[in-house]
N, C-alpha and C. Protein backbone atom coordinates (compact mmCIF):
# COMPACT_ATOMS: atom_id res chain seq x y z
N MET A 1 0.86 -1.19 0.00
CA MET A 1 0.00 0.00 0.00
C MET A 1 0.89 1.24 0.00
N LEU A 2 0.78 2.05 -1.04
CA LEU A 2 1.65 3.22 -1.18
C LEU A 2 0.81 4.44 -1.50
N PRO A 3 0.86 5.48 -0.66
CA PRO A 3 0.11 6.71 -0.98
C PRO A 3 0.76 7.43 -2.14
N LEU A 4 -0.08 7.96 -3.03
CA LEU A 4 0.40 8.69 -4.20
C LEU A 4 0.06 10.17 -4.14
N GLY A 5 -0.94 10.53 -3.35
CA GLY A 5 -1.35 11.92 -3.24
C GLY A 5 -2.62 12.02 -2.42
N ASP A 6 -2.95 13.24 -2.01
CA ASP A 6 -4.18 13.44 -1.26
C ASP A 6 -5.06 14.46 -1.97
N GLU A 7 -6.33 14.44 -1.65
CA GLU A 7 -7.29 15.39 -2.20
C GLU A 7 -7.64 16.37 -1.10
N ASN A 8 -6.71 17.27 -0.82
CA ASN A 8 -6.81 18.15 0.33
C ASN A 8 -6.08 19.44 0.01
N PRO A 9 -6.75 20.42 -0.60
CA PRO A 9 -6.09 21.65 -1.04
C PRO A 9 -5.58 22.49 0.13
N THR A 10 -4.62 23.36 -0.15
CA THR A 10 -4.03 24.22 0.88
C THR A 10 -4.16 25.68 0.48
N ARG A 11 -4.04 26.56 1.49
CA ARG A 11 -4.04 28.00 1.24
C ARG A 11 -2.63 28.54 1.07
N LEU A 12 -1.71 28.06 1.90
CA LEU A 12 -0.35 28.59 1.93
C LEU A 12 0.58 27.80 1.02
N THR A 13 1.59 28.46 0.49
CA THR A 13 2.68 27.76 -0.18
C THR A 13 3.55 27.13 0.90
N PRO A 14 3.73 25.82 0.89
CA PRO A 14 4.43 25.15 1.99
C PRO A 14 5.95 25.28 1.87
N ILE A 15 6.45 26.50 2.09
CA ILE A 15 7.87 26.76 1.86
C ILE A 15 8.77 25.98 2.83
N VAL A 16 8.31 25.76 4.05
CA VAL A 16 9.11 24.99 5.01
C VAL A 16 9.18 23.54 4.57
N ASN A 17 8.05 23.00 4.16
CA ASN A 17 8.03 21.61 3.70
C ASN A 17 8.94 21.43 2.48
N TYR A 18 8.85 22.36 1.53
CA TYR A 18 9.72 22.30 0.36
C TYR A 18 11.20 22.39 0.77
N THR A 19 11.48 23.26 1.74
CA THR A 19 12.86 23.45 2.18
C THR A 19 13.41 22.19 2.84
N ILE A 20 12.58 21.53 3.65
CA ILE A 20 13.02 20.28 4.30
C ILE A 20 13.31 19.22 3.25
N ILE A 21 12.46 19.11 2.25
CA ILE A 21 12.67 18.13 1.18
C ILE A 21 13.95 18.44 0.41
N ALA A 22 14.13 19.72 0.08
CA ALA A 22 15.33 20.12 -0.67
C ALA A 22 16.59 19.91 0.16
N ALA A 23 16.53 20.28 1.44
CA ALA A 23 17.70 20.13 2.31
C ALA A 23 18.05 18.66 2.50
N SER A 24 17.05 17.81 2.70
CA SER A 24 17.30 16.38 2.89
C SER A 24 17.93 15.77 1.64
N THR A 25 17.45 16.20 0.48
CA THR A 25 18.01 15.70 -0.78
C THR A 25 19.44 16.18 -0.98
N ALA A 26 19.68 17.47 -0.71
CA ALA A 26 21.03 18.02 -0.86
C ALA A 26 22.01 17.35 0.09
N ILE A 27 21.58 17.10 1.31
CA ILE A 27 22.46 16.45 2.30
C ILE A 27 22.76 15.03 1.87
N TYR A 28 21.77 14.34 1.31
CA TYR A 28 22.05 12.98 0.85
C TYR A 28 23.05 12.99 -0.31
N LEU A 29 22.93 13.97 -1.20
CA LEU A 29 23.90 14.08 -2.28
C LEU A 29 25.29 14.33 -1.72
N TRP A 30 25.38 15.16 -0.68
CA TRP A 30 26.67 15.39 -0.01
C TRP A 30 27.20 14.10 0.61
N GLN A 31 26.30 13.31 1.19
CA GLN A 31 26.71 12.04 1.78
C GLN A 31 27.31 11.09 0.75
N THR A 32 26.78 11.14 -0.47
CA THR A 32 27.09 10.09 -1.44
C THR A 32 28.00 10.52 -2.58
N THR A 33 28.41 11.78 -2.63
CA THR A 33 29.22 12.25 -3.76
C THR A 33 30.71 12.07 -3.53
N SER A 34 31.09 11.39 -2.47
CA SER A 34 32.50 11.10 -2.23
C SER A 34 32.68 9.59 -2.12
N THR A 35 33.56 9.15 -1.26
CA THR A 35 33.88 7.73 -1.14
C THR A 35 32.88 7.02 -0.22
N PRO A 36 32.80 5.68 -0.30
CA PRO A 36 31.98 4.94 0.66
C PRO A 36 32.38 5.20 2.12
N ALA A 37 33.67 5.43 2.35
CA ALA A 37 34.14 5.73 3.70
C ALA A 37 33.54 7.05 4.19
N HIS A 38 33.43 8.02 3.28
CA HIS A 38 32.82 9.31 3.65
C HIS A 38 31.35 9.12 4.01
N PHE A 39 30.64 8.32 3.22
CA PHE A 39 29.23 8.06 3.50
C PHE A 39 29.07 7.43 4.88
N THR A 40 29.87 6.43 5.19
CA THR A 40 29.79 5.77 6.49
C THR A 40 30.13 6.75 7.61
N ALA A 41 31.12 7.61 7.37
CA ALA A 41 31.51 8.59 8.38
C ALA A 41 30.37 9.56 8.69
N THR A 42 29.61 9.97 7.67
CA THR A 42 28.48 10.88 7.93
C THR A 42 27.45 10.22 8.82
N LEU A 43 27.22 8.93 8.63
CA LEU A 43 26.24 8.23 9.46
C LEU A 43 26.67 8.18 10.91
N PHE A 44 27.95 7.88 11.14
CA PHE A 44 28.43 7.72 12.50
C PHE A 44 28.72 9.05 13.19
N HIS A 45 29.00 10.10 12.42
CA HIS A 45 29.26 11.41 13.03
C HIS A 45 27.97 12.18 13.31
N TYR A 46 27.00 12.06 12.42
CA TYR A 46 25.79 12.88 12.53
C TYR A 46 24.53 12.07 12.79
N GLY A 47 24.61 10.75 12.72
CA GLY A 47 23.47 9.91 13.05
C GLY A 47 23.28 9.80 14.56
N LEU A 48 22.10 9.33 14.93
CA LEU A 48 21.77 9.19 16.36
C LEU A 48 22.24 7.81 16.84
N ILE A 49 23.21 7.80 17.73
CA ILE A 49 23.71 6.56 18.32
C ILE A 49 23.21 6.49 19.76
N PRO A 50 22.28 5.58 20.07
CA PRO A 50 21.65 5.57 21.39
C PRO A 50 22.63 5.54 22.55
N ARG A 51 23.72 4.81 22.42
CA ARG A 51 24.68 4.71 23.53
C ARG A 51 25.21 6.08 23.93
N PHE A 52 25.45 6.94 22.95
CA PHE A 52 25.95 8.28 23.26
C PHE A 52 24.85 9.14 23.90
N ILE A 53 23.65 9.06 23.37
CA ILE A 53 22.55 9.86 23.92
C ILE A 53 22.28 9.44 25.37
N THR A 54 22.32 8.14 25.63
CA THR A 54 22.10 7.64 26.99
C THR A 54 23.13 8.22 27.96
N ASN A 55 24.35 8.43 27.46
CA ASN A 55 25.42 8.97 28.30
C ASN A 55 25.47 10.49 28.29
N GLY A 56 24.49 11.13 27.66
CA GLY A 56 24.45 12.59 27.61
C GLY A 56 25.42 13.19 26.62
N GLN A 57 25.87 12.41 25.65
CA GLN A 57 26.83 12.87 24.67
C GLN A 57 26.16 13.06 23.31
N ARG A 58 26.75 13.92 22.50
CA ARG A 58 26.33 14.14 21.12
C ARG A 58 24.83 14.39 20.98
N LEU A 59 24.31 15.23 21.86
CA LEU A 59 22.88 15.53 21.84
C LEU A 59 22.42 16.22 20.55
N PRO A 60 23.27 17.03 19.89
CA PRO A 60 22.82 17.63 18.62
C PRO A 60 22.42 16.61 17.56
N THR A 61 22.89 15.36 17.69
CA THR A 61 22.50 14.35 16.69
C THR A 61 21.03 13.99 16.78
N LEU A 62 20.35 14.40 17.86
CA LEU A 62 18.90 14.23 17.91
C LEU A 62 18.22 15.02 16.79
N ILE A 63 18.90 16.07 16.31
CA ILE A 63 18.36 16.86 15.21
C ILE A 63 19.05 16.50 13.89
N THR A 64 20.38 16.39 13.90
CA THR A 64 21.08 16.18 12.63
C THR A 64 20.70 14.87 11.96
N ASN A 65 20.37 13.85 12.77
CA ASN A 65 20.02 12.56 12.16
C ASN A 65 18.77 12.63 11.29
N ILE A 66 17.90 13.59 11.59
CA ILE A 66 16.63 13.70 10.87
C ILE A 66 16.86 13.99 9.38
N PHE A 67 17.99 14.62 9.05
CA PHE A 67 18.23 15.05 7.68
C PHE A 67 19.18 14.13 6.91
N LEU A 68 19.60 13.03 7.54
CA LEU A 68 20.44 12.05 6.88
C LEU A 68 19.59 10.87 6.42
N HIS A 69 20.07 10.16 5.40
CA HIS A 69 19.36 8.96 4.95
C HIS A 69 20.36 7.89 4.54
N GLY A 70 19.90 6.64 4.62
CA GLY A 70 20.79 5.53 4.39
C GLY A 70 20.79 4.99 2.97
N GLY A 71 19.97 5.54 2.08
CA GLY A 71 19.91 5.07 0.71
C GLY A 71 18.88 5.86 -0.07
N TRP A 72 18.91 5.70 -1.41
CA TRP A 72 17.95 6.43 -2.24
C TRP A 72 16.51 6.04 -1.97
N THR A 73 16.26 4.74 -1.75
CA THR A 73 14.89 4.33 -1.49
C THR A 73 14.41 4.86 -0.14
N HIS A 74 15.32 4.90 0.83
CA HIS A 74 15.00 5.47 2.15
C HIS A 74 14.61 6.94 2.00
N LEU A 75 15.43 7.69 1.26
CA LEU A 75 15.15 9.11 1.03
C LEU A 75 13.86 9.30 0.25
N ALA A 76 13.69 8.55 -0.85
CA ALA A 76 12.53 8.74 -1.71
C ALA A 76 11.22 8.43 -0.97
N GLY A 77 11.21 7.34 -0.20
CA GLY A 77 10.00 6.99 0.54
C GLY A 77 9.63 8.05 1.56
N ASN A 78 10.62 8.52 2.31
CA ASN A 78 10.34 9.56 3.31
C ASN A 78 9.86 10.85 2.67
N MET A 79 10.52 11.26 1.59
CA MET A 79 10.15 12.53 0.96
C MET A 79 8.78 12.44 0.29
N LEU A 80 8.41 11.26 -0.21
CA LEU A 80 7.08 11.09 -0.78
C LEU A 80 6.01 11.33 0.29
N PHE A 81 6.16 10.70 1.44
CA PHE A 81 5.20 10.89 2.52
C PHE A 81 5.17 12.35 2.97
N LEU A 82 6.35 12.98 3.06
CA LEU A 82 6.40 14.37 3.50
C LEU A 82 5.74 15.29 2.48
N TRP A 83 5.95 15.02 1.20
CA TRP A 83 5.35 15.81 0.12
C TRP A 83 3.82 15.74 0.18
N ILE A 84 3.30 14.55 0.45
CA ILE A 84 1.85 14.35 0.43
C ILE A 84 1.19 14.96 1.66
N PHE A 85 1.76 14.72 2.83
CA PHE A 85 1.07 15.06 4.08
C PHE A 85 1.59 16.34 4.76
N GLY A 86 2.84 16.70 4.51
CA GLY A 86 3.41 17.82 5.24
C GLY A 86 2.84 19.17 4.88
N ASP A 87 2.47 19.36 3.59
CA ASP A 87 1.98 20.67 3.18
C ASP A 87 0.71 21.06 3.92
N ASN A 88 -0.17 20.10 4.19
CA ASN A 88 -1.42 20.41 4.88
C ASN A 88 -1.19 20.77 6.34
N ILE A 89 -0.21 20.12 6.98
CA ILE A 89 0.08 20.47 8.37
C ILE A 89 0.71 21.85 8.44
N GLU A 90 1.58 22.17 7.52
CA GLU A 90 2.14 23.52 7.48
C GLU A 90 1.05 24.54 7.19
N ASP A 91 0.09 24.18 6.34
CA ASP A 91 -0.99 25.09 5.97
C ASP A 91 -1.85 25.45 7.18
N CYS A 92 -2.14 24.47 8.02
CA CYS A 92 -3.04 24.77 9.15
C CYS A 92 -2.29 25.30 10.36
N CYS A 93 -0.98 25.01 10.47
CA CYS A 93 -0.22 25.46 11.63
C CYS A 93 0.57 26.74 11.38
N GLY A 94 0.89 27.03 10.13
CA GLY A 94 1.77 28.15 9.82
C GLY A 94 3.21 27.68 9.69
N HIS A 95 4.04 28.51 9.06
CA HIS A 95 5.40 28.09 8.73
C HIS A 95 6.25 27.80 9.97
N LEU A 96 6.31 28.75 10.90
CA LEU A 96 7.18 28.58 12.07
C LEU A 96 6.68 27.46 12.96
N ARG A 97 5.39 27.41 13.20
CA ARG A 97 4.84 26.34 14.04
C ARG A 97 5.13 24.97 13.42
N TYR A 98 5.04 24.89 12.11
CA TYR A 98 5.30 23.61 11.45
C TYR A 98 6.76 23.20 11.61
N LEU A 99 7.66 24.14 11.45
CA LEU A 99 9.08 23.83 11.62
C LEU A 99 9.36 23.34 13.03
N LEU A 100 8.79 24.02 14.03
CA LEU A 100 8.96 23.60 15.43
C LEU A 100 8.34 22.22 15.66
N PHE A 101 7.17 22.01 15.08
CA PHE A 101 6.47 20.73 15.22
C PHE A 101 7.30 19.61 14.61
N TYR A 102 7.80 19.81 13.41
CA TYR A 102 8.58 18.78 12.72
C TYR A 102 9.84 18.44 13.53
N THR A 103 10.52 19.46 14.01
CA THR A 103 11.73 19.23 14.80
C THR A 103 11.42 18.53 16.11
N ALA A 104 10.36 18.96 16.78
CA ALA A 104 10.01 18.37 18.09
C ALA A 104 9.62 16.91 17.95
N THR A 105 8.85 16.57 16.93
CA THR A 105 8.46 15.16 16.77
C THR A 105 9.65 14.31 16.35
N GLY A 106 10.58 14.90 15.58
CA GLY A 106 11.79 14.17 15.24
C GLY A 106 12.65 13.88 16.46
N ILE A 107 12.77 14.86 17.36
CA ILE A 107 13.52 14.66 18.60
C ILE A 107 12.83 13.61 19.47
N ALA A 108 11.51 13.71 19.58
CA ALA A 108 10.76 12.73 20.38
C ALA A 108 10.96 11.32 19.85
N ALA A 109 10.94 11.19 18.54
CA ALA A 109 11.15 9.87 17.93
C ALA A 109 12.53 9.33 18.29
N GLY A 110 13.54 10.20 18.24
CA GLY A 110 14.89 9.78 18.58
C GLY A 110 15.02 9.37 20.04
N LEU A 111 14.33 10.07 20.92
CA LEU A 111 14.39 9.73 22.34
C LEU A 111 13.70 8.39 22.62
N ILE A 112 12.58 8.16 21.97
CA ILE A 112 11.90 6.87 22.14
C ILE A 112 12.77 5.73 21.63
N TRP A 113 13.40 5.95 20.49
CA TRP A 113 14.30 4.92 19.96
C TRP A 113 15.46 4.66 20.91
N THR A 114 15.98 5.71 21.52
CA THR A 114 17.07 5.56 22.49
C THR A 114 16.62 4.72 23.68
N LEU A 115 15.40 4.93 24.13
CA LEU A 115 14.89 4.14 25.26
C LEU A 115 14.79 2.66 24.93
N THR A 116 14.49 2.35 23.68
CA THR A 116 14.30 0.95 23.30
C THR A 116 15.59 0.28 22.85
N ALA A 117 16.64 1.06 22.62
CA ALA A 117 17.92 0.50 22.16
C ALA A 117 19.07 1.24 22.82
N ALA A 118 18.99 1.35 24.15
CA ALA A 118 19.88 2.24 24.90
C ALA A 118 21.36 1.94 24.73
N ASN A 119 21.72 0.69 24.52
CA ASN A 119 23.14 0.31 24.43
C ASN A 119 23.64 0.15 23.01
N SER A 120 22.82 0.50 22.05
CA SER A 120 23.20 0.31 20.65
C SER A 120 24.30 1.29 20.25
N SER A 121 25.26 0.80 19.46
CA SER A 121 26.33 1.65 18.93
C SER A 121 26.15 1.92 17.44
N TYR A 122 24.99 1.57 16.91
CA TYR A 122 24.72 1.76 15.49
C TYR A 122 23.88 3.02 15.28
N PRO A 123 24.19 3.81 14.27
CA PRO A 123 23.47 5.06 14.06
C PRO A 123 22.09 4.87 13.45
N ALA A 124 21.14 5.64 13.93
CA ALA A 124 19.81 5.71 13.33
C ALA A 124 19.72 7.03 12.57
N VAL A 125 19.25 6.99 11.34
CA VAL A 125 19.16 8.20 10.52
C VAL A 125 17.83 8.21 9.78
N GLY A 126 17.41 9.40 9.38
CA GLY A 126 16.22 9.52 8.56
C GLY A 126 15.16 10.41 9.17
N GLY A 127 14.33 10.97 8.31
CA GLY A 127 13.25 11.83 8.76
C GLY A 127 11.98 11.11 9.10
N SER A 128 12.00 9.77 9.10
CA SER A 128 10.75 9.02 9.26
C SER A 128 10.10 9.24 10.61
N GLY A 129 10.87 9.48 11.67
CA GLY A 129 10.26 9.76 12.97
C GLY A 129 9.47 11.05 12.96
N ALA A 130 10.07 12.11 12.40
CA ALA A 130 9.37 13.39 12.30
C ALA A 130 8.19 13.29 11.34
N ILE A 131 8.35 12.55 10.25
CA ILE A 131 7.26 12.38 9.29
C ILE A 131 6.13 11.57 9.91
N SER A 132 6.46 10.64 10.78
CA SER A 132 5.42 9.92 11.53
C SER A 132 4.62 10.89 12.39
N GLY A 133 5.31 11.89 12.95
CA GLY A 133 4.59 12.94 13.68
C GLY A 133 3.64 13.70 12.80
N VAL A 134 4.06 13.99 11.57
CA VAL A 134 3.19 14.65 10.59
C VAL A 134 1.96 13.80 10.32
N LEU A 135 2.14 12.48 10.20
CA LEU A 135 1.00 11.60 9.98
C LEU A 135 0.04 11.63 11.16
N GLY A 136 0.59 11.69 12.38
CA GLY A 136 -0.26 11.78 13.56
C GLY A 136 -1.11 13.03 13.55
N ALA A 137 -0.50 14.17 13.18
CA ALA A 137 -1.26 15.42 13.10
C ALA A 137 -2.29 15.37 11.98
N TYR A 138 -1.93 14.78 10.85
CA TYR A 138 -2.86 14.67 9.72
C TYR A 138 -4.08 13.85 10.12
N LEU A 139 -3.85 12.80 10.89
CA LEU A 139 -4.96 11.97 11.37
C LEU A 139 -5.92 12.78 12.23
N ILE A 140 -5.38 13.67 13.04
CA ILE A 140 -6.21 14.51 13.91
C ILE A 140 -6.98 15.54 13.09
N PHE A 141 -6.30 16.22 12.18
CA PHE A 141 -6.90 17.35 11.48
C PHE A 141 -7.74 16.97 10.27
N TYR A 142 -7.33 15.91 9.55
CA TYR A 142 -7.99 15.59 8.28
C TYR A 142 -8.31 14.10 8.16
N PRO A 143 -9.02 13.53 9.10
CA PRO A 143 -9.26 12.08 9.05
C PRO A 143 -10.08 11.64 7.84
N ARG A 144 -10.90 12.54 7.29
CA ARG A 144 -11.77 12.16 6.17
C ARG A 144 -11.21 12.54 4.81
N ALA A 145 -10.04 13.19 4.77
CA ALA A 145 -9.42 13.53 3.49
C ALA A 145 -9.14 12.26 2.70
N LYS A 146 -9.37 12.29 1.42
CA LYS A 146 -9.15 11.11 0.58
C LYS A 146 -7.68 11.03 0.15
N ILE A 147 -7.13 9.84 0.28
CA ILE A 147 -5.75 9.57 -0.10
C ILE A 147 -5.75 8.63 -1.30
N ARG A 148 -5.15 9.04 -2.39
CA ARG A 148 -5.00 8.16 -3.55
C ARG A 148 -3.89 7.17 -3.24
N THR A 149 -4.23 5.90 -3.21
CA THR A 149 -3.32 4.87 -2.71
C THR A 149 -3.18 3.74 -3.71
N LEU A 150 -1.93 3.34 -3.95
CA LEU A 150 -1.64 2.22 -4.84
C LEU A 150 -1.63 0.94 -4.02
N ILE A 151 -2.45 -0.03 -4.40
CA ILE A 151 -2.49 -1.30 -3.71
C ILE A 151 -2.31 -2.43 -4.72
N GLY A 152 -1.92 -3.58 -4.23
CA GLY A 152 -1.79 -4.74 -5.10
C GLY A 152 -0.51 -5.50 -4.83
N ALA A 153 -0.30 -6.55 -5.62
CA ALA A 153 0.89 -7.38 -5.50
C ALA A 153 1.18 -8.00 -6.86
N GLY A 154 2.45 -8.29 -7.10
CA GLY A 154 2.82 -8.89 -8.37
C GLY A 154 2.51 -7.97 -9.53
N LEU A 155 1.75 -8.48 -10.50
CA LEU A 155 1.39 -7.69 -11.68
C LEU A 155 0.04 -6.99 -11.54
N PHE A 156 -0.61 -7.17 -10.42
CA PHE A 156 -1.96 -6.64 -10.25
C PHE A 156 -1.95 -5.47 -9.28
N PHE A 157 -2.13 -4.28 -9.82
CA PHE A 157 -2.15 -3.07 -9.03
C PHE A 157 -3.35 -2.23 -9.43
N ARG A 158 -3.83 -1.45 -8.50
CA ARG A 158 -4.86 -0.49 -8.81
C ARG A 158 -4.75 0.67 -7.83
N ILE A 159 -5.29 1.81 -8.22
CA ILE A 159 -5.28 3.00 -7.38
C ILE A 159 -6.68 3.19 -6.82
N ILE A 160 -6.78 3.31 -5.51
CA ILE A 160 -8.06 3.53 -4.86
C ILE A 160 -8.00 4.81 -4.02
N ARG A 161 -9.15 5.33 -3.68
CA ARG A 161 -9.26 6.51 -2.80
C ARG A 161 -9.78 6.03 -1.45
N ILE A 162 -8.99 6.23 -0.41
CA ILE A 162 -9.42 5.80 0.93
C ILE A 162 -9.27 6.96 1.90
N PRO A 163 -10.06 7.00 2.97
CA PRO A 163 -9.92 8.07 3.96
C PRO A 163 -8.55 8.03 4.62
N ALA A 164 -8.06 9.18 5.00
CA ALA A 164 -6.77 9.26 5.68
C ALA A 164 -6.77 8.43 6.95
N SER A 165 -7.90 8.39 7.65
CA SER A 165 -7.97 7.62 8.90
C SER A 165 -7.68 6.14 8.65
N ALA A 166 -8.17 5.61 7.52
CA ALA A 166 -7.93 4.20 7.19
C ALA A 166 -6.49 3.97 6.77
N MET A 167 -5.98 4.83 5.90
CA MET A 167 -4.62 4.65 5.40
C MET A 167 -3.60 4.80 6.52
N ILE A 168 -3.73 5.85 7.33
CA ILE A 168 -2.77 6.08 8.42
C ILE A 168 -2.96 5.05 9.52
N GLY A 169 -4.20 4.66 9.77
CA GLY A 169 -4.46 3.63 10.77
C GLY A 169 -3.79 2.31 10.42
N LEU A 170 -3.91 1.89 9.15
CA LEU A 170 -3.26 0.66 8.71
C LEU A 170 -1.74 0.79 8.78
N TRP A 171 -1.24 1.95 8.41
CA TRP A 171 0.22 2.19 8.52
C TRP A 171 0.69 2.03 9.96
N PHE A 172 -0.07 2.57 10.91
CA PHE A 172 0.35 2.51 12.31
C PHE A 172 0.30 1.07 12.83
N VAL A 173 -0.74 0.33 12.47
CA VAL A 173 -0.81 -1.08 12.87
C VAL A 173 0.38 -1.84 12.34
N TYR A 174 0.77 -1.55 11.10
CA TYR A 174 1.93 -2.19 10.49
C TYR A 174 3.20 -1.90 11.30
N GLN A 175 3.35 -0.65 11.76
CA GLN A 175 4.52 -0.31 12.58
C GLN A 175 4.53 -1.08 13.89
N ILE A 176 3.37 -1.20 14.52
CA ILE A 176 3.26 -1.93 15.79
C ILE A 176 3.64 -3.40 15.59
N ILE A 177 3.12 -3.99 14.54
CA ILE A 177 3.41 -5.41 14.28
C ILE A 177 4.90 -5.63 14.07
N LEU A 178 5.52 -4.82 13.24
CA LEU A 178 6.93 -5.00 12.94
C LEU A 178 7.81 -4.68 14.14
N ALA A 179 7.40 -3.70 14.95
CA ALA A 179 8.17 -3.38 16.15
C ALA A 179 8.11 -4.51 17.16
N SER A 180 7.05 -5.31 17.12
CA SER A 180 6.86 -6.40 18.08
C SER A 180 7.57 -7.68 17.69
N LEU A 181 8.03 -7.77 16.44
CA LEU A 181 8.69 -8.98 15.99
C LEU A 181 10.08 -9.10 16.61
N PRO A 182 10.51 -10.31 16.94
CA PRO A 182 11.82 -10.48 17.57
C PRO A 182 13.00 -10.24 16.64
N MET A 183 12.79 -10.35 15.33
CA MET A 183 13.91 -10.21 14.40
C MET A 183 14.31 -8.75 14.26
N ASN A 184 15.59 -8.55 13.95
CA ASN A 184 16.14 -7.22 13.74
C ASN A 184 16.09 -6.88 12.26
N THR A 185 15.20 -5.96 11.88
CA THR A 185 15.05 -5.60 10.47
C THR A 185 15.94 -4.44 10.07
N GLY A 186 16.59 -3.80 11.03
CA GLY A 186 17.42 -2.64 10.73
C GLY A 186 16.63 -1.35 10.62
N VAL A 187 15.34 -1.40 10.87
CA VAL A 187 14.48 -0.21 10.80
C VAL A 187 14.03 0.14 12.22
N ALA A 188 14.11 1.43 12.55
CA ALA A 188 13.77 1.89 13.91
C ALA A 188 12.25 2.10 14.02
N TYR A 189 11.51 1.01 14.08
CA TYR A 189 10.05 1.13 14.12
C TYR A 189 9.56 1.84 15.37
N TRP A 190 10.27 1.67 16.47
CA TRP A 190 9.85 2.37 17.69
C TRP A 190 10.02 3.88 17.56
N ALA A 191 10.94 4.31 16.74
CA ALA A 191 11.06 5.74 16.46
C ALA A 191 9.83 6.23 15.70
N HIS A 192 9.34 5.40 14.76
CA HIS A 192 8.11 5.76 14.03
C HIS A 192 6.93 5.88 15.00
N ILE A 193 6.84 4.91 15.89
CA ILE A 193 5.73 4.90 16.86
C ILE A 193 5.84 6.10 17.79
N GLY A 194 7.07 6.39 18.26
CA GLY A 194 7.26 7.53 19.14
C GLY A 194 6.96 8.85 18.46
N GLY A 195 7.40 9.00 17.20
CA GLY A 195 7.10 10.22 16.47
C GLY A 195 5.62 10.40 16.22
N PHE A 196 4.94 9.30 15.90
CA PHE A 196 3.49 9.34 15.68
C PHE A 196 2.76 9.77 16.94
N ALA A 197 3.14 9.18 18.08
CA ALA A 197 2.51 9.55 19.36
C ALA A 197 2.77 11.02 19.69
N ALA A 198 3.98 11.48 19.42
CA ALA A 198 4.29 12.89 19.66
C ALA A 198 3.46 13.79 18.76
N GLY A 199 3.26 13.37 17.51
CA GLY A 199 2.43 14.15 16.60
C GLY A 199 1.00 14.26 17.07
N LEU A 200 0.45 13.16 17.57
CA LEU A 200 -0.90 13.18 18.13
C LEU A 200 -0.98 14.14 19.31
N ALA A 201 0.02 14.07 20.20
CA ALA A 201 0.00 14.87 21.42
C ALA A 201 0.21 16.36 21.15
N LEU A 202 1.12 16.67 20.20
CA LEU A 202 1.47 18.06 19.97
C LEU A 202 0.55 18.78 18.99
N SER A 203 -0.22 18.03 18.22
CA SER A 203 -1.01 18.66 17.17
C SER A 203 -1.99 19.68 17.71
N ARG A 204 -2.66 19.36 18.81
CA ARG A 204 -3.64 20.28 19.37
C ARG A 204 -2.97 21.52 19.97
N ILE A 205 -1.73 21.35 20.43
CA ILE A 205 -1.02 22.49 21.02
C ILE A 205 -0.49 23.41 19.93
N MET A 206 0.03 22.82 18.86
CA MET A 206 0.70 23.60 17.83
C MET A 206 -0.27 24.31 16.89
N ARG A 207 -1.47 23.79 16.76
CA ARG A 207 -2.40 24.36 15.79
C ARG A 207 -3.02 25.65 16.33
N PRO A 208 -2.91 26.76 15.58
CA PRO A 208 -3.58 27.98 15.99
C PRO A 208 -5.07 27.90 15.72
N LYS A 209 -5.83 28.80 16.31
CA LYS A 209 -7.26 28.84 16.01
C LYS A 209 -7.45 29.37 14.60
N LEU A 210 -8.21 28.65 13.80
CA LEU A 210 -8.47 29.05 12.43
C LEU A 210 -9.86 29.66 12.33
N ARG A 211 -9.97 30.70 11.57
CA ARG A 211 -11.26 31.34 11.36
C ARG A 211 -11.85 30.84 10.05
N GLY A 212 -13.12 30.52 10.09
CA GLY A 212 -13.78 30.07 8.88
C GLY A 212 -13.50 28.59 8.63
N PRO A 213 -14.06 28.06 7.55
CA PRO A 213 -13.89 26.65 7.22
C PRO A 213 -12.48 26.32 6.79
N SER A 214 -12.10 25.08 6.95
CA SER A 214 -10.78 24.64 6.50
C SER A 214 -10.77 24.59 4.98
N PRO A 215 -9.56 24.58 4.36
CA PRO A 215 -9.50 24.45 2.90
C PRO A 215 -10.23 23.22 2.39
N LEU A 216 -10.17 22.12 3.13
CA LEU A 216 -10.84 20.90 2.70
C LEU A 216 -12.34 21.10 2.66
N GLN A 217 -12.89 21.80 3.69
CA GLN A 217 -14.33 22.04 3.72
C GLN A 217 -14.74 22.98 2.60
N GLU A 218 -13.91 24.01 2.32
CA GLU A 218 -14.22 24.93 1.25
C GLU A 218 -14.22 24.22 -0.09
N TRP A 219 -13.22 23.35 -0.29
CA TRP A 219 -13.08 22.64 -1.56
C TRP A 219 -14.28 21.75 -1.81
N ARG A 220 -14.75 21.11 -0.73
CA ARG A 220 -15.91 20.27 -0.87
C ARG A 220 -17.16 21.10 -1.12
């Protein structure tokens, strides 16, 4: 199940969302335009290593890790979700509030991951924790917005329109299931869960009072 877009117009140009996408892409190009040793060094220098955070060291990596990625598919998947869902959260919260929200949920995701892997010496990188926070806020603000979603397997695919509540709900259940499995998949699913929970909790605080109907209501 892969979201392709939403039917949820916005009022504001999402300049912060665009900037995050551009910055994440530029940083990944910086990571990969030199030697493999350089790429590995960026992960270990700027990625979130739970053992250091537990010891009160390298705390800035709670933020820097959000803008690093471990591969093109990692980057592309995260940026796709951010492109689809982030603009609406920036639209309803405003530029500065959205930037603070994105950063706060990314930090929360990193802290939750640290709690679940306190002695790990391996770096966690990626914006997926913060983007999970965006999904949590989207669920609160736009549960009935239609999401164009690609479903299927093998050679059989189709695009359907489903409510955001269903698409995000299924995504969250998937994270819970994978986080509960004993095998190590190399993905920080607890960071996704932590970021999502932070997004749910912070969404009501970060959202200003809006006058008049939402863009989605006007469009309908």
